[in-house]
Amino acid sequence: MDENKLGSIIAEYSKLYTCAVSDAIDELGFEPGFIDAGIRPMWPGSRILGLAGTMKMLLSDEPLERNIIARLVKFMRKLPKYPIMCVDMSGQMIAAGLGQSTSRLLQDLGFRGGLVDGPIRDISQVISLNFPIFARGIISSSIRGRMVIDLDNVMKPVKCGDRVITPGDLIFGDINGVVIVNQNNIESVLLKAKEIISTDKWWFEQLEKGRDPTDIEKEKELP
């Protein structure tokens, strides 16, 4: 997608909220995009919006590989604009998928936030960085001696909750949770979500006027 067009689309999504986007996906008949309620913003006011970059971690008692950061950065430099790092923790809650050092590194590479299907750590430092992360919780342990980065699956489809995330999918998270928009549906979902929000606004306006909800529904169904 043209970068100017992509920037415009991201700007339009930034005016929305995840509930409307999830409803738009449902109304259009696409596979649901919402991620289960176990994944929450790790600090108040966090929002993530951008395109997915992906990484997977596997159980292992091996130490971290030498030059792992250099190898990862090589992958990360190939990402599209507005990246969000999505980390598949293989269903484990024994170590942090992101922390202060990785968050700072991602921030320096242009990442706009993180989505971790597992815990994170160094929450005070992450907050200080103003780096928004959505995850399943907070833990003190590192991945050292517990998990390793699966370099064969960097920038390949991963799972987060019951959702498959493919690099380039749109990731949107706010106080209500996280929703994934398949990259092929980004524009159509945007249009439908704007329509839903417009209908919501109209309903509130009619209720403020004191109209009977039954009459309002006859004119336009509740979104």
Protein backbone atom coordinates (compact mmCIF):
# COMPACT_ATOMS: atom_id res chain seq x y z
CA MET A 1 0.00 0.00 0.00
CA ASP A 2 1.20 3.53 -0.81
CA GLU A 3 2.79 5.12 2.30
CA ASN A 4 0.71 8.29 2.06
CA LYS A 5 -2.48 6.26 1.82
CA LEU A 6 -1.38 4.05 4.70
CA GLY A 7 -0.67 7.09 6.84
CA SER A 8 -4.14 8.44 6.09
CA ILE A 9 -5.76 5.10 6.99
CA ILE A 10 -3.85 4.89 10.29
CA ALA A 11 -4.93 8.45 11.09
CA GLU A 12 -8.58 7.52 10.45
CA TYR A 13 -8.36 4.41 12.63
CA SER A 14 -6.87 6.53 15.42
CA LYS A 15 -10.23 8.36 15.67
CA LEU A 16 -12.08 5.07 16.31
CA TYR A 17 -12.35 2.65 19.20
CA THR A 18 -11.90 -1.12 19.17
CA CYS A 19 -15.54 -1.99 19.88
CA ALA A 20 -16.66 -0.34 16.63
CA VAL A 21 -13.88 -2.07 14.71
CA SER A 22 -14.80 -5.47 16.15
CA ASP A 23 -18.47 -4.88 15.31
CA ALA A 24 -17.52 -3.85 11.78
CA ILE A 25 -15.61 -7.08 11.26
CA ASP A 26 -18.63 -9.06 12.51
CA GLU A 27 -21.09 -7.16 10.31
CA LEU A 28 -18.96 -7.70 7.23
CA GLY A 29 -18.94 -11.44 7.91
CA PHE A 30 -15.18 -11.74 8.36
CA GLU A 31 -13.52 -14.04 10.88
CA PRO A 32 -13.76 -12.35 14.32
CA GLY A 33 -10.83 -10.11 15.15
CA PHE A 34 -11.17 -9.52 18.90
CA ILE A 35 -8.61 -11.08 21.23
CA ASP A 36 -9.83 -12.62 24.50
CA ALA A 37 -10.20 -10.48 27.61
CA GLY A 38 -7.05 -11.89 29.22
CA ILE A 39 -4.90 -9.48 27.24
CA ARG A 40 -5.08 -5.97 28.70
CA PRO A 41 -3.20 -2.65 28.52
CA MET A 42 -0.26 -2.73 30.91
CA TRP A 43 -0.62 0.90 31.93
CA PRO A 44 -3.63 3.26 31.96
CA GLY A 45 -4.29 5.11 28.74
CA SER A 46 -2.28 2.72 26.58
CA ARG A 47 -3.27 2.50 22.92
CA ILE A 48 -1.56 0.58 20.14
CA LEU A 49 -2.27 1.07 16.47
CA GLY A 50 -0.16 -0.11 13.58
CA LEU A 51 0.85 -3.06 11.43
CA ALA A 52 2.01 -6.37 12.87
CA GLY A 53 5.58 -7.50 13.10
CA THR A 54 5.81 -10.98 14.62
CA MET A 55 8.07 -13.08 16.82
CA LYS A 56 7.67 -16.42 18.60
CA MET A 57 9.32 -17.82 21.72
CA LEU A 58 9.80 -21.49 22.58
CA LEU A 59 10.47 -23.37 25.81
CA SER A 60 14.20 -24.06 26.19
CA ASP A 61 16.79 -24.32 28.96
CA GLU A 62 19.50 -23.18 26.55
CA PRO A 63 21.14 -19.77 27.12
CA LEU A 64 20.38 -16.89 24.79
CA GLU A 65 22.22 -17.19 21.49
CA ARG A 66 25.19 -14.94 20.89
CA ASN A 67 24.48 -11.96 18.64
CA ILE A 68 20.74 -12.55 19.04
CA ILE A 69 19.98 -8.81 19.04
CA ALA A 70 21.94 -8.21 15.85
CA ARG A 71 20.12 -11.07 14.16
CA LEU A 72 16.73 -9.79 15.30
CA VAL A 73 17.44 -6.23 14.20
CA LYS A 74 18.21 -7.55 10.72
CA PHE A 75 14.62 -8.86 10.56
CA MET A 76 13.08 -5.78 12.15
CA ARG A 77 14.57 -3.38 9.63
CA LYS A 78 12.42 -5.07 6.95
CA LEU A 79 9.17 -4.12 8.67
CA PRO A 80 6.52 -1.83 7.16
CA LYS A 81 5.82 1.59 8.66
CA TYR A 82 3.84 1.89 11.89
CA PRO A 83 4.97 -1.51 13.28
CA ILE A 84 3.59 -3.19 16.40
CA MET A 85 5.64 -6.09 17.82
CA CYS A 86 3.42 -9.16 18.36
CA VAL A 87 5.01 -11.85 20.54
CA ASP A 88 3.70 -15.43 20.63
CA MET A 89 4.85 -16.97 23.95
CA SER A 90 3.73 -20.50 23.01
CA GLY A 91 1.08 -20.40 25.75
CA GLN A 92 3.66 -19.95 28.52
CA MET A 93 3.44 -17.61 31.53
CA ILE A 94 6.89 -18.35 32.99
CA ALA A 95 8.93 -15.46 31.57
CA ALA A 96 8.58 -11.97 30.15
CA GLY A 97 8.09 -11.54 26.43
CA LEU A 98 9.17 -7.89 26.59
CA GLY A 99 10.93 -5.75 29.17
CA GLN A 100 12.74 -2.45 29.48
CA SER A 101 15.69 -3.25 27.19
CA THR A 102 13.65 -4.84 24.41
CA SER A 103 11.05 -2.09 24.62
CA ARG A 104 13.72 0.59 24.26
CA LEU A 105 15.26 -1.28 21.33
CA LEU A 106 11.88 -1.61 19.61
CA GLN A 107 11.11 2.04 20.27
CA ASP A 108 14.40 3.08 18.66
CA LEU A 109 13.53 0.94 15.62
CA GLY A 110 10.25 2.81 15.19
CA PHE A 111 7.84 0.37 16.84
CA ARG A 112 4.66 1.96 18.18
CA GLY A 113 3.98 -0.63 20.88
CA GLY A 114 3.81 -4.32 21.71
CA LEU A 115 1.28 -7.13 21.95
CA VAL A 116 2.41 -10.10 24.06
CA ASP A 117 0.44 -13.30 24.49
CA GLY A 118 2.04 -13.80 27.88
CA PRO A 119 3.57 -11.62 30.61
CA ILE A 120 6.01 -8.70 30.47
CA ARG A 121 8.33 -7.20 33.09
CA ASP A 122 10.13 -3.98 34.09
CA ILE A 123 6.76 -2.28 34.07
CA SER A 124 7.97 0.92 35.79
CA GLN A 125 10.70 1.41 33.21
CA VAL A 126 8.35 0.57 30.33
CA ILE A 127 5.92 3.21 31.60
CA SER A 128 8.78 5.71 31.80
CA LEU A 129 9.54 4.97 28.16
CA ASN A 130 5.88 5.64 27.35
CA PHE A 131 5.96 2.42 25.33
CA PRO A 132 2.42 0.96 25.17
CA ILE A 133 2.16 -2.80 25.64
CA PHE A 134 -0.86 -5.11 25.85
CA ALA A 135 -0.17 -8.42 27.58
CA ARG A 136 -1.56 -11.10 29.90
CA GLY A 137 0.21 -9.83 33.01
CA ILE A 138 3.46 -8.91 34.71
CA ILE A 139 6.23 -11.20 35.93
CA SER A 140 9.74 -10.74 37.32
CA SER A 141 11.53 -13.55 35.42
CA SER A 142 13.48 -13.22 32.18
CA ILE A 143 13.52 -15.70 29.29
CA ARG A 144 17.14 -16.68 30.05
CA GLY A 145 17.29 -20.43 30.63
CA ARG A 146 13.53 -20.70 30.13
CA MET A 147 12.67 -19.71 26.58
CA VAL A 148 14.41 -18.80 23.34
CA ILE A 149 13.45 -16.72 20.34
CA ASP A 150 12.47 -18.92 17.41
CA LEU A 151 14.42 -17.18 14.66
CA ASP A 152 12.85 -19.45 12.04
CA ASN A 153 9.48 -17.85 12.80
CA VAL A 154 10.35 -14.17 12.96
CA MET A 155 8.04 -12.22 10.65
CA LYS A 156 5.85 -15.25 10.02
CA PRO A 157 2.25 -15.93 11.19
CA VAL A 158 1.89 -16.38 14.96
CA LYS A 159 -1.01 -16.95 17.37
CA CYS A 160 -2.30 -14.55 19.97
CA GLY A 161 -5.20 -16.00 21.92
CA ASP A 162 -7.30 -17.76 19.31
CA ARG A 163 -6.25 -15.34 16.55
CA VAL A 164 -3.65 -15.88 13.87
CA ILE A 165 -1.64 -12.73 13.24
CA THR A 166 0.13 -12.37 9.91
CA PRO A 167 2.81 -9.70 9.42
CA GLY A 168 1.07 -6.65 7.98
CA ASP A 169 -2.28 -7.19 9.73
CA LEU A 170 -3.60 -4.12 11.53
CA ILE A 171 -3.32 -4.23 15.33
CA PHE A 172 -5.54 -1.92 17.37
CA GLY A 173 -5.69 -1.85 21.15
CA ASP A 174 -7.39 0.50 23.60
CA ILE A 175 -9.05 0.36 27.02
CA ASN A 176 -11.61 -2.14 25.66
CA GLY A 177 -9.03 -4.68 24.48
CA VAL A 178 -7.32 -5.63 21.23
CA VAL A 179 -8.68 -6.33 17.77
CA ILE A 180 -6.87 -7.69 14.71
CA VAL A 181 -7.86 -6.60 11.20
CA ASN A 182 -6.71 -8.83 8.37
CA GLN A 183 -4.52 -6.79 6.02
CA ASN A 184 -6.85 -7.54 3.10
CA ASN A 185 -9.82 -6.03 4.96
CA ILE A 186 -8.31 -2.89 6.49
CA GLU A 187 -10.10 -0.38 4.26
CA SER A 188 -13.52 -2.06 4.22
CA VAL A 189 -13.48 -2.48 8.01
CA LEU A 190 -12.54 1.18 8.42
CA LEU A 191 -15.52 2.33 6.35
CA LYS A 192 -17.96 0.06 8.20
CA ALA A 193 -16.59 1.09 11.63
CA LYS A 194 -17.06 4.77 10.77
CA GLU A 195 -20.63 3.99 9.73
CA ILE A 196 -21.29 2.20 13.03
CA ILE A 197 -19.91 5.10 15.07
CA SER A 198 -22.04 7.53 13.06
CA THR A 199 -25.15 5.47 13.88
CA ASP A 200 -24.17 5.34 17.56
CA LYS A 201 -23.85 9.10 17.62
CA TRP A 202 -27.21 9.53 15.90
CA TRP A 203 -28.90 7.24 18.46
CA PHE A 204 -27.50 9.25 21.35
CA GLU A 205 -28.71 12.46 19.74
CA GLN A 206 -32.22 11.06 19.37
CA LEU A 207 -32.27 9.85 22.97
CA GLU A 208 -31.10 13.29 24.14
CA LYS A 209 -34.10 14.73 22.32
CA GLY A 210 -36.34 12.52 24.44
CA ARG A 211 -37.55 10.28 21.63
CA ASP A 212 -39.00 6.85 22.39
CA PRO A 213 -36.34 4.16 21.71
CA THR A 214 -38.99 2.01 20.01
CA ASP A 215 -39.62 4.78 17.48
CA ILE A 216 -35.92 5.39 17.00
CA GLU A 217 -35.35 1.71 16.25
CA LYS A 218 -38.02 1.79 13.55
CA GLU A 219 -36.06 4.52 11.80
CA LYS A 220 -32.60 3.01 12.28
CA GLU A 221 -31.58 -0.19 14.09
CA LEU A 222 -29.32 0.02 17.11
CA PRO A 223 -25.76 -0.68 15.93
